Amino acid sequence: MKEESGQEEKWICDKCKEKLELHKVKVSYLGGNFEVELLKCPKCNNVFISEDLALGKMLEVEKGLEDK
């Protein structure tokens, strides 16, 4: 769930109703481990990956890794 106040967007965990916070998160894919900063719920630790990130940068990285 997204809340907008002025220019700033605030994402809220649908499960816990807590404001998501930026945290370093470990991501694994095709045997590679990466540490990236993503929005994460401080209560249940669910991570939010935006559609833009999933279809943009992550897709580019995925294709690059699969080509190796």
PDB file of N, CA and C in Angstrom:
ATOM      1  N   MET A   1       0.836  -1.159   0.000  1.00  0.00           N
ATOM      2  CA  MET A   1       0.000   0.000   0.000  1.00  0.00           C
ATOM      3  C   MET A   1       0.897   1.243   0.000  1.00  0.00           C
ATOM      4  N   LYS A   2       0.532   2.228  -0.806  1.00  0.00           N
ATOM      5  CA  LYS A   2       1.348   3.430  -0.935  1.00  0.00           C
ATOM      6  C   LYS A   2       0.582   4.625  -0.410  1.00  0.00           C
ATOM      7  N   GLU A   3       1.248   5.427   0.425  1.00  0.00           N
ATOM      8  CA  GLU A   3       0.700   6.695   0.889  1.00  0.00           C
ATOM      9  C   GLU A   3       1.543   7.804   0.304  1.00  0.00           C
ATOM     10  N   GLU A   4       0.897   8.890  -0.073  1.00  0.00           N
ATOM     11  CA  GLU A   4       1.646  10.030  -0.590  1.00  0.00           C
ATOM     12  C   GLU A   4       1.373  11.230   0.298  1.00  0.00           C
ATOM     13  N   SER A   5       2.452  11.879   0.732  1.00  0.00           N
ATOM     14  CA  SER A   5       2.317  13.113   1.502  1.00  0.00           C
ATOM     15  C   SER A   5       3.265  14.116   0.881  1.00  0.00           C
ATOM     16  N   GLY A   6       2.716  15.079   0.164  1.00  0.00           N
ATOM     17  CA  GLY A   6       3.567  16.029  -0.544  1.00  0.00           C
ATOM     18  C   GLY A   6       4.291  15.320  -1.655  1.00  0.00           C
ATOM     19  N   GLN A   7       5.600  15.471  -1.724  1.00  0.00           N
ATOM     20  CA  GLN A   7       6.428  14.856  -2.758  1.00  0.00           C
ATOM     21  C   GLN A   7       6.874  13.449  -2.377  1.00  0.00           C
ATOM     22  N   GLU A   8       6.858  13.134  -1.097  1.00  0.00           N
ATOM     23  CA  GLU A   8       7.422  11.876  -0.608  1.00  0.00           C
ATOM     24  C   GLU A   8       6.386  10.753  -0.637  1.00  0.00           C
ATOM     25  N   GLU A   9       6.783   9.598  -1.152  1.00  0.00           N
ATOM     26  CA  GLU A   9       5.928   8.414  -1.131  1.00  0.00           C
ATOM     27  C   GLU A   9       6.326   7.569   0.067  1.00  0.00           C
ATOM     28  N   LYS A  10       5.333   7.070   0.791  1.00  0.00           N
ATOM     29  CA  LYS A  10       5.607   6.191   1.920  1.00  0.00           C
ATOM     30  C   LYS A  10       4.899   4.874   1.659  1.00  0.00           C
ATOM     31  N   TRP A  11       5.647   3.798   1.697  1.00  0.00           N
ATOM     32  CA  TRP A  11       5.071   2.477   1.496  1.00  0.00           C
ATOM     33  C   TRP A  11       4.785   1.852   2.853  1.00  0.00           C
ATOM     34  N   ILE A  12       3.622   1.219   2.971  1.00  0.00           N
ATOM     35  CA  ILE A  12       3.175   0.612   4.215  1.00  0.00           C
ATOM     36  C   ILE A  12       2.997  -0.889   3.981  1.00  0.00           C
ATOM     37  N   CYS A  13       3.483  -1.692   4.910  1.00  0.00           N
ATOM     38  CA  CYS A  13       3.309  -3.148   4.833  1.00  0.00           C
ATOM     39  C   CYS A  13       1.821  -3.468   4.962  1.00  0.00           C
ATOM     40  N   ASP A  14       1.282  -4.204   3.991  1.00  0.00           N
ATOM     41  CA  ASP A  14      -0.138  -4.546   4.010  1.00  0.00           C
ATOM     42  C   ASP A  14      -0.453  -5.499   5.156  1.00  0.00           C
ATOM     43  N   LYS A  15       0.501  -6.330   5.518  1.00  0.00           N
ATOM     44  CA  LYS A  15       0.297  -7.315   6.577  1.00  0.00           C
ATOM     45  C   LYS A  15       0.340  -6.670   7.967  1.00  0.00           C
ATOM     46  N   CYS A  16       1.366  -5.842   8.216  1.00  0.00           N
ATOM     47  CA  CYS A  16       1.606  -5.302   9.559  1.00  0.00           C
ATOM     48  C   CYS A  16       1.164  -3.851   9.740  1.00  0.00           C
ATOM     49  N   LYS A  17       0.931  -3.163   8.637  1.00  0.00           N
ATOM     50  CA  LYS A  17       0.562  -1.739   8.651  1.00  0.00           C
ATOM     51  C   LYS A  17       1.688  -0.860   9.186  1.00  0.00           C
ATOM     52  N   GLU A  18       2.925  -1.337   9.055  1.00  0.00           N
ATOM     53  CA  GLU A  18       4.116  -0.582   9.469  1.00  0.00           C
ATOM     54  C   GLU A  18       4.710   0.120   8.257  1.00  0.00           C
ATOM     55  N   LYS A  19       5.338   1.261   8.471  1.00  0.00           N
ATOM     56  CA  LYS A  19       6.014   1.984   7.391  1.00  0.00           C
ATOM     57  C   LYS A  19       7.269   1.207   6.990  1.00  0.00           C
ATOM     58  N   LEU A  20       7.443   0.981   5.683  1.00  0.00           N
ATOM     59  CA  LEU A  20       8.632   0.281   5.197  1.00  0.00           C
ATOM     60  C   LEU A  20       9.847   1.194   5.320  1.00  0.00           C
ATOM     61  N   GLU A  21      10.995   0.600   5.621  1.00  0.00           N
ATOM     62  CA  GLU A  21      12.240   1.339   5.804  1.00  0.00           C
ATOM     63  C   GLU A  21      13.314   0.752   4.904  1.00  0.00           C
ATOM     64  N   LEU A  22      14.246   1.598   4.474  1.00  0.00           N
ATOM     65  CA  LEU A  22      15.373   1.116   3.663  1.00  0.00           C
ATOM     66  C   LEU A  22      16.327   0.303   4.527  1.00  0.00           C
ATOM     67  N   HIS A  23      16.655  -0.894   4.068  1.00  0.00           N
ATOM     68  CA  HIS A  23      17.605  -1.771   4.759  1.00  0.00           C
ATOM     69  C   HIS A  23      18.437  -2.494   3.713  1.00  0.00           C
ATOM     70  N   LYS A  24      19.648  -2.874   4.089  1.00  0.00           N
ATOM     71  CA  LYS A  24      20.457  -3.726   3.214  1.00  0.00           C
ATOM     72  C   LYS A  24      19.898  -5.134   3.306  1.00  0.00           C
ATOM     73  N   VAL A  25      19.658  -5.727   2.125  1.00  0.00           N
ATOM     74  CA  VAL A  25      19.046  -7.047   2.038  1.00  0.00           C
ATOM     75  C   VAL A  25      19.939  -7.936   1.177  1.00  0.00           C
ATOM     76  N   LYS A  26      20.120  -9.189   1.590  1.00  0.00           N
ATOM     77  CA  LYS A  26      20.899 -10.135   0.790  1.00  0.00           C
ATOM     78  C   LYS A  26      19.977 -10.793  -0.226  1.00  0.00           C
ATOM     79  N   VAL A  27      20.405 -10.766  -1.478  1.00  0.00           N
ATOM     80  CA  VAL A  27      19.646 -11.349  -2.576  1.00  0.00           C
ATOM     81  C   VAL A  27      20.518 -12.408  -3.237  1.00  0.00           C
ATOM     82  N   SER A  28      19.941 -13.562  -3.522  1.00  0.00           N
ATOM     83  CA  SER A  28      20.668 -14.646  -4.194  1.00  0.00           C
ATOM     84  C   SER A  28      20.003 -14.938  -5.521  1.00  0.00           C
ATOM     85  N   TYR A  29      20.840 -15.159  -6.551  1.00  0.00           N
ATOM     86  CA  TYR A  29      20.313 -15.537  -7.864  1.00  0.00           C
ATOM     87  C   TYR A  29      21.396 -16.240  -8.651  1.00  0.00           C
ATOM     88  N   LEU A  30      21.073 -17.409  -9.180  1.00  0.00           N
ATOM     89  CA  LEU A  30      22.001 -18.222  -9.978  1.00  0.00           C
ATOM     90  C   LEU A  30      23.363 -18.389  -9.307  1.00  0.00           C
ATOM     91  N   GLY A  31      23.335 -18.662  -8.022  1.00  0.00           N
ATOM     92  CA  GLY A  31      24.569 -18.901  -7.284  1.00  0.00           C
ATOM     93  C   GLY A  31      25.315 -17.652  -6.879  1.00  0.00           C
ATOM     94  N   GLY A  32      24.844 -16.494  -7.300  1.00  0.00           N
ATOM     95  CA  GLY A  32      25.487 -15.239  -6.916  1.00  0.00           C
ATOM     96  C   GLY A  32      24.746 -14.597  -5.754  1.00  0.00           C
ATOM     97  N   ASN A  33      25.488 -13.995  -4.840  1.00  0.00           N
ATOM     98  CA  ASN A  33      24.900 -13.304  -3.699  1.00  0.00           C
ATOM     99  C   ASN A  33      25.187 -11.814  -3.811  1.00  0.00           C
ATOM    100  N   PHE A  34      24.167 -11.027  -3.578  1.00  0.00           N
ATOM    101  CA  PHE A  34      24.281  -9.582  -3.704  1.00  0.00           C
ATOM    102  C   PHE A  34      23.673  -8.928  -2.477  1.00  0.00           C
ATOM    103  N   GLU A  35      24.194  -7.790  -2.096  1.00  0.00           N
ATOM    104  CA  GLU A  35      23.608  -7.013  -1.010  1.00  0.00           C
ATOM    105  C   GLU A  35      23.126  -5.695  -1.596  1.00  0.00           C
ATOM    106  N   VAL A  36      21.828  -5.447  -1.484  1.00  0.00           N
ATOM    107  CA  VAL A  36      21.231  -4.239  -2.041  1.00  0.00           C
ATOM    108  C   VAL A  36      20.347  -3.587  -0.989  1.00  0.00           C
ATOM    109  N   GLU A  37      20.103  -2.302  -1.158  1.00  0.00           N
ATOM    110  CA  GLU A  37      19.246  -1.574  -0.241  1.00  0.00           C
ATOM    111  C   GLU A  37      17.829  -1.543  -0.806  1.00  0.00           C
ATOM    112  N   LEU A  38      16.891  -2.131  -0.061  1.00  0.00           N
ATOM    113  CA  LEU A  38      15.495  -2.200  -0.489  1.00  0.00           C
ATOM    114  C   LEU A  38      14.586  -1.831   0.679  1.00  0.00           C
ATOM    115  N   LEU A  39      13.326  -1.537   0.354  1.00  0.00           N
ATOM    116  CA  LEU A  39      12.336  -1.259   1.391  1.00  0.00           C
ATOM    117  C   LEU A  39      11.939  -2.566   2.064  1.00  0.00           C
ATOM    118  N   LYS A  40      11.914  -2.533   3.411  1.00  0.00           N
ATOM    119  CA  LYS A  40      11.644  -3.750   4.179  1.00  0.00           C
ATOM    120  C   LYS A  40      10.785  -3.393   5.385  1.00  0.00           C
ATOM    121  N   CYS A  41       9.865  -4.271   5.732  1.00  0.00           N
ATOM    122  CA  CYS A  41       9.028  -4.068   6.912  1.00  0.00           C
ATOM    123  C   CYS A  41       9.863  -4.348   8.165  1.00  0.00           C
ATOM    124  N   PRO A  42       9.892  -3.418   9.115  1.00  0.00           N
ATOM    125  CA  PRO A  42      10.691  -3.637  10.333  1.00  0.00           C
ATOM    126  C   PRO A  42      10.082  -4.695  11.255  1.00  0.00           C
ATOM    127  N   LYS A  43       8.808  -5.040  11.035  1.00  0.00           N
ATOM    128  CA  LYS A  43       8.152  -6.000  11.918  1.00  0.00           C
ATOM    129  C   LYS A  43       8.214  -7.431  11.367  1.00  0.00           C
ATOM    130  N   CYS A  44       7.765  -7.642  10.115  1.00  0.00           N
ATOM    131  CA  CYS A  44       7.708  -9.009   9.574  1.00  0.00           C
ATOM    132  C   CYS A  44       8.853  -9.314   8.603  1.00  0.00           C
ATOM    133  N   ASN A  45       9.668  -8.300   8.277  1.00  0.00           N
ATOM    134  CA  ASN A  45      10.831  -8.437   7.394  1.00  0.00           C
ATOM    135  C   ASN A  45      10.499  -8.736   5.938  1.00  0.00           C
ATOM    136  N   ASN A  46       9.235  -8.578   5.530  1.00  0.00           N
ATOM    137  CA  ASN A  46       8.914  -8.703   4.107  1.00  0.00           C
ATOM    138  C   ASN A  46       9.601  -7.582   3.344  1.00  0.00           C
ATOM    139  N   VAL A  47      10.097  -7.905   2.161  1.00  0.00           N
ATOM    140  CA  VAL A  47      10.823  -6.934   1.331  1.00  0.00           C
ATOM    141  C   VAL A  47       9.937  -6.523   0.172  1.00  0.00           C
ATOM    142  N   PHE A  48       9.951  -5.229  -0.148  1.00  0.00           N
ATOM    143  CA  PHE A  48       9.179  -4.702  -1.260  1.00  0.00           C
ATOM    144  C   PHE A  48      10.110  -4.431  -2.433  1.00  0.00           C
ATOM    145  N   ILE A  49       9.767  -5.002  -3.587  1.00  0.00           N
ATOM    146  CA  ILE A  49      10.497  -4.732  -4.829  1.00  0.00           C
ATOM    147  C   ILE A  49       9.497  -4.097  -5.784  1.00  0.00           C
ATOM    148  N   SER A  50       9.757  -2.856  -6.144  1.00  0.00           N
ATOM    149  CA  SER A  50       8.825  -2.137  -7.013  1.00  0.00           C
ATOM    150  C   SER A  50       8.802  -2.754  -8.411  1.00  0.00           C
ATOM    151  N   GLU A  51       7.733  -2.502  -9.129  1.00  0.00           N
ATOM    152  CA  GLU A  51       7.608  -3.000 -10.495  1.00  0.00           C
ATOM    153  C   GLU A  51       8.719  -2.421 -11.371  1.00  0.00           C
ATOM    154  N   ASP A  52       9.024  -1.140 -11.168  1.00  0.00           N
ATOM    155  CA  ASP A  52      10.091  -0.499 -11.949  1.00  0.00           C
ATOM    156  C   ASP A  52      11.424  -1.201 -11.738  1.00  0.00           C
ATOM    157  N   LEU A  53      11.729  -1.539 -10.497  1.00  0.00           N
ATOM    158  CA  LEU A  53      12.987  -2.221 -10.197  1.00  0.00           C
ATOM    159  C   LEU A  53      12.980  -3.643 -10.762  1.00  0.00           C
ATOM    160  N   ALA A  54      11.877  -4.349 -10.588  1.00  0.00           N
ATOM    161  CA  ALA A  54      11.790  -5.738 -11.053  1.00  0.00           C
ATOM    162  C   ALA A  54      11.882  -5.837 -12.572  1.00  0.00           C
ATOM    163  N   LEU A  55      11.250  -4.907 -13.277  1.00  0.00           N
ATOM    164  CA  LEU A  55      11.229  -4.979 -14.739  1.00  0.00           C
ATOM    165  C   LEU A  55      12.353  -4.169 -15.380  1.00  0.00           C
ATOM    166  N   GLY A  56      13.077  -3.437 -14.568  1.00  0.00           N
ATOM    167  CA  GLY A  56      14.167  -2.613 -15.091  1.00  0.00           C
ATOM    168  C   GLY A  56      15.514  -3.178 -14.730  1.00  0.00           C
ATOM    169  N   LYS A  57      16.107  -2.662 -13.678  1.00  0.00           N
ATOM    170  CA  LYS A  57      17.469  -3.011 -13.289  1.00  0.00           C
ATOM    171  C   LYS A  57      17.636  -4.500 -12.988  1.00  0.00           C
ATOM    172  N   MET A  58      16.697  -5.097 -12.247  1.00  0.00           N
ATOM    173  CA  MET A  58      16.828  -6.517 -11.898  1.00  0.00           C
ATOM    174  C   MET A  58      16.749  -7.399 -13.143  1.00  0.00           C
ATOM    175  N   LEU A  59      15.927  -7.029 -14.098  1.00  0.00           N
ATOM    176  CA  LEU A  59      15.827  -7.796 -15.336  1.00  0.00           C
ATOM    177  C   LEU A  59      17.132  -7.727 -16.123  1.00  0.00           C
ATOM    178  N   GLU A  60      17.758  -6.546 -16.132  1.00  0.00           N
ATOM    179  CA  GLU A  60      19.054  -6.387 -16.812  1.00  0.00           C
ATOM    180  C   GLU A  60      20.111  -7.275 -16.159  1.00  0.00           C
ATOM    181  N   VAL A  61      20.161  -7.265 -14.830  1.00  0.00           N
ATOM    182  CA  VAL A  61      21.145  -8.079 -14.098  1.00  0.00           C
ATOM    183  C   VAL A  61      20.873  -9.564 -14.351  1.00  0.00           C
ATOM    184  N   GLU A  62      19.608  -9.954 -14.319  1.00  0.00           N
ATOM    185  CA  GLU A  62      19.229 -11.345 -14.540  1.00  0.00           C
ATOM    186  C   GLU A  62      19.691 -11.810 -15.922  1.00  0.00           C
ATOM    187  N   LYS A  63      19.437 -11.021 -16.936  1.00  0.00           N
ATOM    188  CA  LYS A  63      19.850 -11.394 -18.297  1.00  0.00           C
ATOM    189  C   LYS A  63      21.370 -11.486 -18.400  1.00  0.00           C
ATOM    190  N   GLY A  64      22.083 -10.564 -17.746  1.00  0.00           N
ATOM    191  CA  GLY A  64      23.536 -10.592 -17.756  1.00  0.00           C
ATOM    192  C   GLY A  64      24.092 -11.835 -17.085  1.00  0.00           C
ATOM    193  N   LEU A  65      23.493 -12.244 -15.973  1.00  0.00           N
ATOM    194  CA  LEU A  65      23.941 -13.440 -15.265  1.00  0.00           C
ATOM    195  C   LEU A  65      23.634 -14.711 -16.063  1.00  0.00           C
ATOM    196  N   GLU A  66      22.480 -14.745 -16.705  1.00  0.00           N
ATOM    197  CA  GLU A  66      22.108 -15.938 -17.466  1.00  0.00           C
ATOM    198  C   GLU A  66      22.979 -16.106 -18.695  1.00  0.00           C
ATOM    199  N   ASP A  67      23.508 -15.002 -19.247  1.00  0.00           N
ATOM    200  CA  ASP A  67      24.359 -15.063 -20.423  1.00  0.00           C
ATOM    201  C   ASP A  67      25.754 -15.602 -20.107  1.00  0.00           C
ATOM    202  N   LYS A  68      26.141 -15.567 -18.841  1.00  0.00           N
ATOM    203  CA  LYS A  68      27.494 -16.026 -18.460  1.00  0.00           C
ATOM    204  C   LYS A  68      27.601 -17.520 -18.453  1.00  0.00           C
TER     205      LYS A  68
END
